[in-house]
Amino acid sequence: MNHEDKPIELINSPATRRDFLRGSLQLASGAALMSMVPPGVRSGAWAAGSDAPEKKEVRIGFIPLTDCSSVVMAAVQKFDEKYGIKIIPTKEASWASVRDKLVNGELDAAHVLYGLVYGVQLGIGGPKKDMSVLMSINNNGQGITLSNQLKDKGVTDGAKLAALVAKKEREYTFAQTFPTGTHAMWLYYWLGAHGINPFKDVKNIVVPPPQMVANMRVGNMDGFCVGEPWNQRAIIDKIGFSVATSQDIWTDHPEKVLGTTADWVAKNPNTARAMTAAVLDASRWIDASLANKQKTAETVAQKSYINTDIDVIVGRMLGRYENGLGKTWDDKNHMKFFNDGAVNFPYLSDAMWFLTQHKRWGLLKDDPDYLAVAKKVNRIDIYKQAAAAAKVSLPKSEMRSHKLIDGTVWDGKDPKKYAASFKVRA
């Protein structure tokens, strides 16, 4: 049941369904934009003598998930106009479709799984091609859902799941969204933290995000890891419960990125900067108020985007959680889109973490040069130009440190040692 080998039929969402009329708005001039950029950045930018975007229309692919919001709102709220471009959000059916269309140039960029970009860079999980990460789109806001059938067997947490799996009454199946992607890594990390080997003790399959709930409903899996709103959808439909959020695994973890190919950035550096700045503006706008989050939820719930009920999206977007077991809480670590720019900076350590997990689970046979790969893919130079244009502050370091659910600390300093340090691994 490998949906990624045979992506389901694409659900088209043409730009003609939405109003992108620009009227008579005067686009920001090159001189005006240049004035926003500090001299140190300016000197290294736009060597051709013009800061004008090379492409005026930019097709950005997305999967129907709450964390596509900043890409959608950059277009809907017309933040793109400010930087001389028109963003056309393009709805895709699966992460394999996003991967293929990025690689073959049908999409200019995409709201995409961090680990997918690095999988393509290293030739795992698809064709090998040099890729670029322009910015991080969000932190937090994913989750692990278990079926009500497991609840009926007394499973309400990781320890009880581990005890059930150890009995080997049958094979238990868990779904994630892409072999090298974020959801696979959160699922594997959570299982591993409870002593369950995701490759030896259970079966894992790949299912596109919008199909998770339907597949659980018919019994194709016992649990899944996916982005919102599909965890909440499973609760509302009374087919599953939330056993963990991704922020339980790693608070303020990296999640989706604005990704593209290295070739595309080389040909369109000004467009890359303009696109990143527009999504930064949208990210700041979403996080600025509850009213903006409410409007975002109402927008992305529409058929053109996520195609679900507003109330399925808005609760967890605002941090109002329920787990389907009777518990409700306000989660201060809910999905963040901006956080004064801390969300969006493409930290080298974030990128390296995914590579350590690819090595841990045998997706990479050998240790890569972790830092060199991260420096090549994460285009901090483009991000800094975009941040200057959007007036977004920068962090003090290109690395950051976090403690994960199992007590291990990740700071990017010794990735090879870290990758080999786990008791549960391939």
Protein backbone atom coordinates (compact mmCIF):
# COMPACT_ATOMS: atom_id res chain seq x y z
CA MET A 1 0.00 0.00 0.00
CA ASN A 2 2.62 2.47 -0.99
CA HIS A 3 0.70 5.54 -2.09
CA GLU A 4 3.92 7.37 -2.80
CA ASP A 5 4.77 5.04 -5.66
CA LYS A 6 1.39 5.65 -7.22
CA PRO A 7 0.22 9.10 -6.18
CA ILE A 8 -3.54 9.52 -6.18
CA GLU A 9 -5.10 11.66 -8.86
CA LEU A 10 -4.29 15.34 -8.49
CA ILE A 11 -7.10 17.56 -7.29
CA ASN A 12 -6.67 20.71 -9.31
CA SER A 13 -7.15 24.07 -7.67
CA PRO A 14 -6.72 26.59 -10.49
CA ALA A 15 -5.87 30.15 -9.72
CA THR A 16 -9.04 31.15 -11.60
CA ARG A 17 -11.07 30.03 -8.58
CA ARG A 18 -9.58 32.80 -6.56
CA ASP A 19 -9.38 36.51 -7.05
CA PHE A 20 -5.84 37.52 -7.82
CA LEU A 21 -6.75 40.78 -9.59
CA ARG A 22 -4.09 43.28 -8.85
CA GLY A 23 -5.92 46.43 -10.01
CA SER A 24 -3.75 49.44 -10.52
CA LEU A 25 -1.47 48.88 -7.53
CA GLN A 26 2.01 50.19 -8.14
CA LEU A 27 4.59 47.52 -7.38
CA ALA A 28 7.41 48.46 -5.06
CA SER A 29 10.32 49.82 -7.03
CA GLY A 30 13.75 48.26 -7.00
CA ALA A 31 15.17 51.37 -5.35
CA ALA A 32 12.61 51.23 -2.56
CA LEU A 33 13.37 47.62 -1.86
CA MET A 34 17.09 48.24 -1.92
CA SER A 35 16.69 50.97 0.68
CA MET A 36 15.33 48.39 3.11
CA VAL A 37 18.39 46.19 2.80
CA PRO A 38 21.45 46.81 4.99
CA PRO A 39 24.58 47.71 3.00
CA GLY A 40 26.37 44.51 4.05
CA VAL A 41 23.63 42.39 2.55
CA ARG A 42 23.07 44.72 -0.38
CA SER A 43 26.64 44.42 -1.60
CA GLY A 44 26.31 40.67 -2.08
CA ALA A 45 22.89 40.76 -3.68
CA TRP A 46 21.62 41.27 -7.19
CA ALA A 47 24.97 41.18 -8.93
CA ALA A 48 23.26 41.55 -12.29
CA GLY A 49 22.44 45.13 -11.36
CA SER A 50 18.71 44.69 -10.83
CA ASP A 51 16.69 43.50 -7.87
CA ALA A 52 13.57 42.89 -9.99
CA PRO A 53 12.11 39.38 -9.69
CA GLU A 54 13.05 37.23 -12.67
CA LYS A 55 9.61 35.57 -12.57
CA LYS A 56 6.45 37.54 -11.88
CA GLU A 57 4.24 34.51 -11.24
CA VAL A 58 5.36 31.83 -8.79
CA ARG A 59 3.63 28.47 -8.48
CA ILE A 60 3.96 27.18 -4.91
CA GLY A 61 2.70 23.66 -4.27
CA PHE A 62 1.02 22.74 -1.00
CA ILE A 63 -0.61 19.78 0.69
CA PRO A 64 -3.97 20.29 2.48
CA LEU A 65 -2.61 20.87 5.98
CA THR A 66 -3.02 23.74 8.45
CA ASP A 67 0.65 24.61 8.08
CA CYS A 68 0.18 25.60 4.43
CA SER A 69 -1.47 28.76 5.81
CA SER A 70 1.39 31.23 5.33
CA VAL A 71 1.76 30.32 1.65
CA VAL A 72 -1.99 30.66 1.11
CA MET A 73 -2.31 33.91 3.04
CA ALA A 74 0.70 35.44 1.26
CA ALA A 75 -1.45 35.20 -1.87
CA VAL A 76 -4.90 35.90 -0.40
CA GLN A 77 -3.75 38.92 1.64
CA LYS A 78 -1.59 40.04 -1.30
CA PHE A 79 1.69 40.28 0.57
CA ASP A 80 3.22 39.05 -2.67
CA GLU A 81 2.32 42.29 -4.49
CA LYS A 82 4.59 44.27 -2.18
CA TYR A 83 7.58 42.38 -3.59
CA GLY A 84 6.58 42.43 -7.24
CA ILE A 85 5.34 38.86 -7.62
CA LYS A 86 2.09 36.90 -7.79
CA ILE A 87 1.99 33.68 -5.76
CA ILE A 88 -0.25 30.95 -7.14
CA PRO A 89 -0.88 28.29 -4.47
CA THR A 90 -1.20 24.89 -6.16
CA LYS A 91 -2.97 22.06 -4.32
CA GLU A 92 -1.23 18.69 -4.56
CA ALA A 93 -2.41 15.19 -3.71
CA SER A 94 0.64 13.64 -2.04
CA TRP A 95 4.17 14.44 -0.98
CA ALA A 96 5.42 12.24 -3.83
CA SER A 97 3.58 14.55 -6.22
CA VAL A 98 5.19 17.60 -4.60
CA ARG A 99 8.61 15.97 -4.87
CA ASP A 100 8.19 15.03 -8.52
CA LYS A 101 6.83 18.42 -9.57
CA LEU A 102 9.62 20.28 -7.80
CA VAL A 103 12.26 18.08 -9.43
CA ASN A 104 10.79 18.39 -12.94
CA GLY A 105 10.07 22.11 -12.67
CA GLU A 106 6.25 22.04 -12.76
CA LEU A 107 6.33 23.85 -9.42
CA ASP A 108 8.61 26.78 -8.65
CA ALA A 109 8.61 26.02 -4.93
CA ALA A 110 6.54 24.23 -2.31
CA HIS A 111 5.30 24.03 1.24
CA VAL A 112 7.18 20.82 1.85
CA LEU A 113 8.46 18.38 4.47
CA TYR A 114 11.92 19.33 5.74
CA GLY A 115 13.11 15.73 5.51
CA LEU A 116 11.77 15.32 1.97
CA VAL A 117 14.06 18.09 0.72
CA TYR A 118 17.06 16.42 2.31
CA GLY A 119 16.02 13.00 1.05
CA VAL A 120 16.08 14.30 -2.51
CA GLN A 121 19.39 16.08 -1.88
CA LEU A 122 21.00 12.78 -0.87
CA GLY A 123 19.10 10.54 -3.29
CA ILE A 124 16.95 8.71 -0.74
CA GLY A 125 13.18 8.61 -1.05
CA GLY A 126 13.31 9.62 -4.70
CA PRO A 127 15.54 11.03 -7.42
CA LYS A 128 18.78 12.75 -6.42
CA LYS A 129 18.86 16.48 -7.12
CA ASP A 130 20.42 19.51 -5.46
CA MET A 131 17.78 21.27 -3.38
CA SER A 132 17.33 24.50 -1.45
CA VAL A 133 15.52 25.39 1.77
CA LEU A 134 14.65 29.10 1.80
CA MET A 135 12.91 29.32 5.18
CA SER A 136 11.09 27.34 7.81
CA ILE A 137 7.31 27.75 7.58
CA ASN A 138 6.17 26.56 11.00
CA ASN A 139 7.07 24.95 14.31
CA ASN A 140 4.91 22.40 16.16
CA GLY A 141 1.32 21.42 15.36
CA GLN A 142 1.62 17.80 14.19
CA GLY A 143 0.45 14.76 16.10
CA ILE A 144 0.25 11.01 16.62
CA THR A 145 -3.24 9.49 16.61
CA LEU A 146 -4.11 5.96 17.70
CA SER A 147 -7.27 4.10 16.74
CA ASN A 148 -10.19 3.62 19.07
CA GLN A 149 -9.64 -0.14 18.65
CA LEU A 150 -6.35 0.29 20.54
CA LYS A 151 -8.13 2.34 23.18
CA ASP A 152 -10.60 -0.53 23.60
CA LYS A 153 -7.57 -2.75 24.35
CA GLY A 154 -6.52 -0.38 27.13
CA VAL A 155 -3.89 1.59 25.19
CA THR A 156 -3.89 5.26 26.17
CA ASP A 157 -0.15 6.07 26.11
CA GLY A 158 3.20 4.93 24.73
CA ALA A 159 4.02 2.55 27.58
CA LYS A 160 0.72 0.70 27.22
CA LEU A 161 1.21 0.52 23.45
CA ALA A 162 4.67 -0.97 23.97
CA ALA A 163 3.22 -3.60 26.30
CA LEU A 164 0.55 -4.52 23.75
CA VAL A 165 3.02 -4.71 20.85
CA ALA A 166 5.31 -6.94 22.94
CA LYS A 167 2.53 -9.53 23.26
CA LYS A 168 2.72 -10.04 19.47
CA GLU A 169 -0.96 -10.95 19.23
CA ARG A 170 -0.90 -9.56 15.70
CA GLU A 171 1.04 -7.16 13.51
CA TYR A 172 0.30 -3.52 14.27
CA THR A 173 0.46 -0.99 11.44
CA PHE A 174 1.38 2.68 11.64
CA ALA A 175 1.20 5.28 8.87
CA GLN A 176 3.32 8.31 8.09
CA THR A 177 3.26 10.61 5.09
CA PHE A 178 6.64 10.18 3.36
CA PRO A 179 9.63 7.89 4.02
CA THR A 180 12.16 10.66 4.79
CA GLY A 181 9.66 13.26 5.97
CA THR A 182 8.97 14.94 9.29
CA HIS A 183 5.98 12.77 10.22
CA ALA A 184 7.97 9.59 9.71
CA MET A 185 10.70 10.96 11.98
CA TRP A 186 8.25 12.07 14.74
CA LEU A 187 6.51 8.70 14.61
CA TYR A 188 9.74 6.72 14.69
CA TYR A 189 11.22 8.90 17.44
CA TRP A 190 8.12 8.54 19.63
CA LEU A 191 7.93 4.78 19.10
CA GLY A 192 11.67 4.45 19.77
CA ALA A 193 11.39 6.50 22.96
CA HIS A 194 8.96 3.83 24.21
CA GLY A 195 11.18 0.93 23.17
CA ILE A 196 9.29 0.09 19.97
CA ASN A 197 11.39 -0.39 16.83
CA PRO A 198 9.31 1.04 13.96
CA PHE A 199 10.92 -1.32 11.43
CA LYS A 200 11.15 -4.54 13.45
CA ASP A 201 8.31 -4.48 15.98
CA VAL A 202 5.53 -2.94 13.87
CA LYS A 203 4.71 -2.36 10.21
CA ASN A 204 4.82 1.16 8.81
CA ILE A 205 3.15 2.38 5.63
CA VAL A 206 2.90 5.64 3.68
CA VAL A 207 -0.43 7.44 3.27
CA PRO A 208 -1.01 11.02 1.99
CA PRO A 209 -2.24 13.37 4.75
CA PRO A 210 -5.82 13.94 3.52
CA GLN A 211 -6.35 10.16 3.31
CA MET A 212 -5.26 9.32 6.86
CA VAL A 213 -8.68 9.51 8.52
CA ALA A 214 -10.44 7.50 5.81
CA ASN A 215 -7.77 4.79 5.99
CA MET A 216 -8.03 4.53 9.76
CA ARG A 217 -11.82 4.39 9.51
CA VAL A 218 -11.62 1.22 7.40
CA GLY A 219 -8.94 -0.34 9.60
CA ASN A 220 -5.85 0.02 7.41
CA MET A 221 -3.73 1.23 10.34
CA ASP A 222 -3.64 1.28 14.11
CA GLY A 223 -2.05 4.69 14.34
CA PHE A 224 -0.67 7.52 12.25
CA CYS A 225 1.45 10.63 12.44
CA VAL A 226 0.27 13.60 10.39
CA GLY A 227 -0.14 17.35 10.49
CA GLU A 228 -3.29 19.15 11.52
CA PRO A 229 -6.17 19.25 10.98
CA TRP A 230 -6.26 15.48 10.43
CA ASN A 231 -5.55 14.48 14.05
CA GLN A 232 -8.45 16.64 15.21
CA ARG A 233 -10.61 15.30 12.38
CA ALA A 234 -10.07 11.75 13.69
CA ILE A 235 -11.27 12.85 17.15
CA ILE A 236 -14.35 14.64 15.83
CA ASP A 237 -15.19 11.62 13.67
CA LYS A 238 -14.74 9.40 16.75
CA ILE A 239 -12.31 6.99 15.13
CA GLY A 240 -9.15 7.86 17.07
CA PHE A 241 -7.50 9.80 19.88
CA SER A 242 -4.35 11.90 20.27
CA VAL A 243 -1.64 9.99 22.12
CA ALA A 244 1.02 12.68 21.57
CA THR A 245 1.58 16.00 19.86
CA SER A 246 4.77 16.62 17.97
CA GLN A 247 5.61 19.43 20.40
CA ASP A 248 5.57 16.75 23.13
CA ILE A 249 8.40 15.09 21.22
CA TRP A 250 10.36 18.28 20.55
CA THR A 251 9.08 21.68 21.64
CA ASP A 252 9.31 24.24 18.80
CA HIS A 253 10.59 21.61 16.37
CA PRO A 254 11.18 22.43 12.70
CA GLU A 255 8.38 21.25 10.44
CA LYS A 256 7.50 22.40 6.91
CA VAL A 257 9.84 24.56 4.85
CA LEU A 258 9.65 26.68 1.74
CA GLY A 259 11.66 24.45 -0.57
CA THR A 260 12.77 24.45 -4.17
CA THR A 261 15.63 23.20 -6.32
CA ALA A 262 19.12 24.70 -6.28
CA ASP A 263 18.83 25.25 -10.05
CA TRP A 264 15.70 27.33 -9.58
CA VAL A 265 17.36 29.59 -7.00
CA ALA A 266 20.41 30.01 -9.23
CA LYS A 267 18.17 31.17 -12.10
CA ASN A 268 15.79 33.22 -9.96
CA PRO A 269 17.63 34.64 -6.93
CA ASN A 270 15.57 37.83 -6.80
CA THR A 271 12.32 35.89 -7.10
CA ALA A 272 13.48 33.56 -4.32
CA ARG A 273 14.12 36.57 -2.09
CA ALA A 274 10.77 38.19 -2.96
CA MET A 275 8.83 34.95 -2.42
CA THR A 276 10.51 34.34 0.94
CA ALA A 277 9.83 37.91 2.07
CA ALA A 278 6.15 37.61 1.10
CA VAL A 279 5.73 34.38 3.09
CA LEU A 280 7.56 36.01 6.02
CA ASP A 281 5.06 38.88 5.94
CA ALA A 282 2.17 36.39 5.90
CA SER A 283 3.72 34.42 8.78
CA ARG A 284 3.99 37.56 10.90
CA TRP A 285 0.41 38.55 10.03
CA ILE A 286 -1.06 35.16 11.01
CA ASP A 287 0.61 35.15 14.42
CA ALA A 288 -0.18 38.82 15.11
CA SER A 289 -3.69 38.27 16.54
CA LEU A 290 -6.42 35.77 17.31
CA ALA A 291 -8.58 37.53 14.73
CA ASN A 292 -5.97 36.93 12.05
CA LYS A 293 -5.74 33.25 13.02
CA GLN A 294 -9.52 32.99 12.86
CA LYS A 295 -9.54 34.54 9.39
CA THR A 296 -6.72 32.24 8.33
CA ALA A 297 -8.67 29.19 9.51
CA GLU A 298 -11.77 30.35 7.65
CA THR A 299 -9.72 30.84 4.49
CA VAL A 300 -7.71 27.63 4.44
CA ALA A 301 -10.78 25.52 5.37
CA GLN A 302 -12.23 26.31 1.94
CA LYS A 303 -12.50 23.66 -0.74
CA SER A 304 -9.63 25.20 -2.72
CA TYR A 305 -7.24 24.53 0.15
CA ILE A 306 -7.80 22.03 3.01
CA ASN A 307 -11.47 21.33 2.32
CA THR A 308 -12.75 20.67 5.84
CA ASP A 309 -14.89 22.33 8.51
CA ILE A 310 -13.54 25.52 10.06
CA ASP A 311 -13.99 24.19 13.60
CA VAL A 312 -11.68 21.26 12.81
CA ILE A 313 -8.87 23.74 12.09
CA VAL A 314 -9.40 26.70 14.36
CA GLY A 315 -9.22 25.04 17.80
CA ARG A 316 -5.71 23.64 17.51
CA MET A 317 -4.57 26.68 15.52
CA LEU A 318 -5.47 28.74 18.58
CA GLY A 319 -3.87 26.19 20.93
CA ARG A 320 -7.14 24.74 22.25
CA TYR A 321 -6.55 21.00 22.37
CA GLU A 322 -8.58 17.92 23.25
CA ASN A 323 -7.25 14.37 23.07
CA GLY A 324 -10.40 12.34 22.51
CA LEU A 325 -10.00 10.71 25.94
CA GLY A 326 -11.74 13.47 27.88
CA LYS A 327 -8.78 15.78 28.41
CA THR A 328 -8.76 19.38 27.16
CA TRP A 329 -5.98 21.93 27.55
CA ASP A 330 -4.49 25.15 26.22
CA ASP A 331 -1.17 24.32 24.59
CA LYS A 332 1.27 27.21 24.65
CA ASN A 333 3.43 25.30 22.15
CA HIS A 334 0.77 25.03 19.46
CA MET A 335 1.54 25.69 15.81
CA LYS A 336 3.65 28.82 15.40
CA PHE A 337 4.20 30.58 12.10
CA PHE A 338 6.46 33.48 13.13
CA ASN A 339 7.44 34.01 16.80
CA ASP A 340 9.40 37.16 15.90
CA GLY A 341 11.20 35.31 13.13
CA ALA A 342 12.49 32.49 15.36
CA VAL A 343 10.23 30.06 13.51
CA ASN A 344 11.43 31.01 10.08
CA PHE A 345 15.20 31.07 10.21
CA PRO A 346 16.63 27.98 8.43
CA TYR A 347 18.85 26.77 11.29
CA LEU A 348 21.67 24.49 10.20
CA SER A 349 21.15 22.32 13.28
CA ASP A 350 17.50 21.70 12.32
CA ALA A 351 18.53 20.40 8.92
CA MET A 352 21.28 18.23 10.40
CA TRP A 353 18.86 16.63 12.86
CA PHE A 354 16.83 15.08 10.04
CA LEU A 355 20.02 13.66 8.55
CA THR A 356 20.92 12.08 11.91
CA GLN A 357 17.53 10.38 11.99
CA HIS A 358 17.88 9.19 8.39
CA LYS A 359 21.16 7.60 9.48
CA ARG A 360 19.63 6.20 12.68
CA TRP A 361 16.91 4.38 10.77
CA GLY A 362 19.13 3.07 7.99
CA LEU A 363 17.84 5.38 5.28
CA LEU A 364 21.42 6.61 4.96
CA LYS A 365 24.03 3.84 4.94
CA ASP A 366 26.94 6.12 5.82
CA ASP A 367 27.32 9.35 7.77
CA PRO A 368 27.26 12.33 5.40
CA ASP A 369 29.21 15.50 6.05
CA TYR A 370 26.28 16.79 8.08
CA LEU A 371 27.29 20.43 8.36
CA ALA A 372 28.49 20.74 4.75
CA VAL A 373 25.20 19.36 3.41
CA ALA A 374 23.17 21.67 5.63
CA LYS A 375 25.19 24.72 4.56
CA LYS A 376 24.69 23.80 0.92
CA VAL A 377 20.92 23.29 1.12
CA ASN A 378 19.79 25.89 3.67
CA ARG A 379 20.10 29.19 1.83
CA ILE A 380 20.75 31.45 4.78
CA ASP A 381 22.04 34.10 2.36
CA ILE A 382 18.67 34.32 0.58
CA TYR A 383 16.83 34.26 3.90
CA LYS A 384 18.85 37.17 5.27
CA GLN A 385 18.05 39.26 2.17
CA ALA A 386 14.35 38.44 2.53
CA ALA A 387 14.39 39.14 6.27
CA ALA A 388 15.99 42.52 5.62
CA ALA A 389 13.31 43.38 3.05
CA ALA A 390 10.52 42.24 5.39
CA LYS A 391 12.21 43.81 8.43
CA VAL A 392 12.39 40.55 10.36
CA SER A 393 15.00 40.10 13.08
CA LEU A 394 17.67 37.41 12.85
CA PRO A 395 18.77 34.97 15.58
CA LYS A 396 22.23 35.24 17.11
CA SER A 397 23.32 31.81 15.89
CA GLU A 398 22.77 29.49 12.92
CA MET A 399 22.48 26.59 15.43
CA ARG A 400 20.06 25.97 18.30
CA SER A 401 19.75 23.50 21.15
CA HIS A 402 16.77 21.43 22.37
CA LYS A 403 16.00 18.54 24.71
CA LEU A 404 13.73 15.91 23.16
CA ILE A 405 11.15 13.58 24.71
CA ASP A 406 13.69 10.88 25.63
CA GLY A 407 15.96 13.34 27.43
CA THR A 408 18.60 13.56 24.70
CA VAL A 409 19.89 17.00 23.84
CA TRP A 410 20.40 18.02 20.22
CA ASP A 411 22.66 20.99 19.53
CA GLY A 412 24.26 20.05 16.20
CA LYS A 413 27.78 19.84 17.64
CA ASP A 414 28.50 16.13 17.07
CA PRO A 415 25.91 14.74 14.66
CA LYS A 416 27.76 11.49 13.94
CA LYS A 417 27.96 10.62 17.64
CA TYR A 418 24.32 11.65 18.17
CA ALA A 419 23.08 9.49 15.28
CA ALA A 420 24.83 6.45 16.75
CA SER A 421 23.76 7.07 20.34
CA PHE A 422 20.24 5.63 20.26
CA LYS A 423 19.51 2.22 21.73
CA VAL A 424 16.56 1.74 19.37
CA ARG A 425 17.72 2.09 15.78
CA ALA A 426 17.88 0.21 12.51
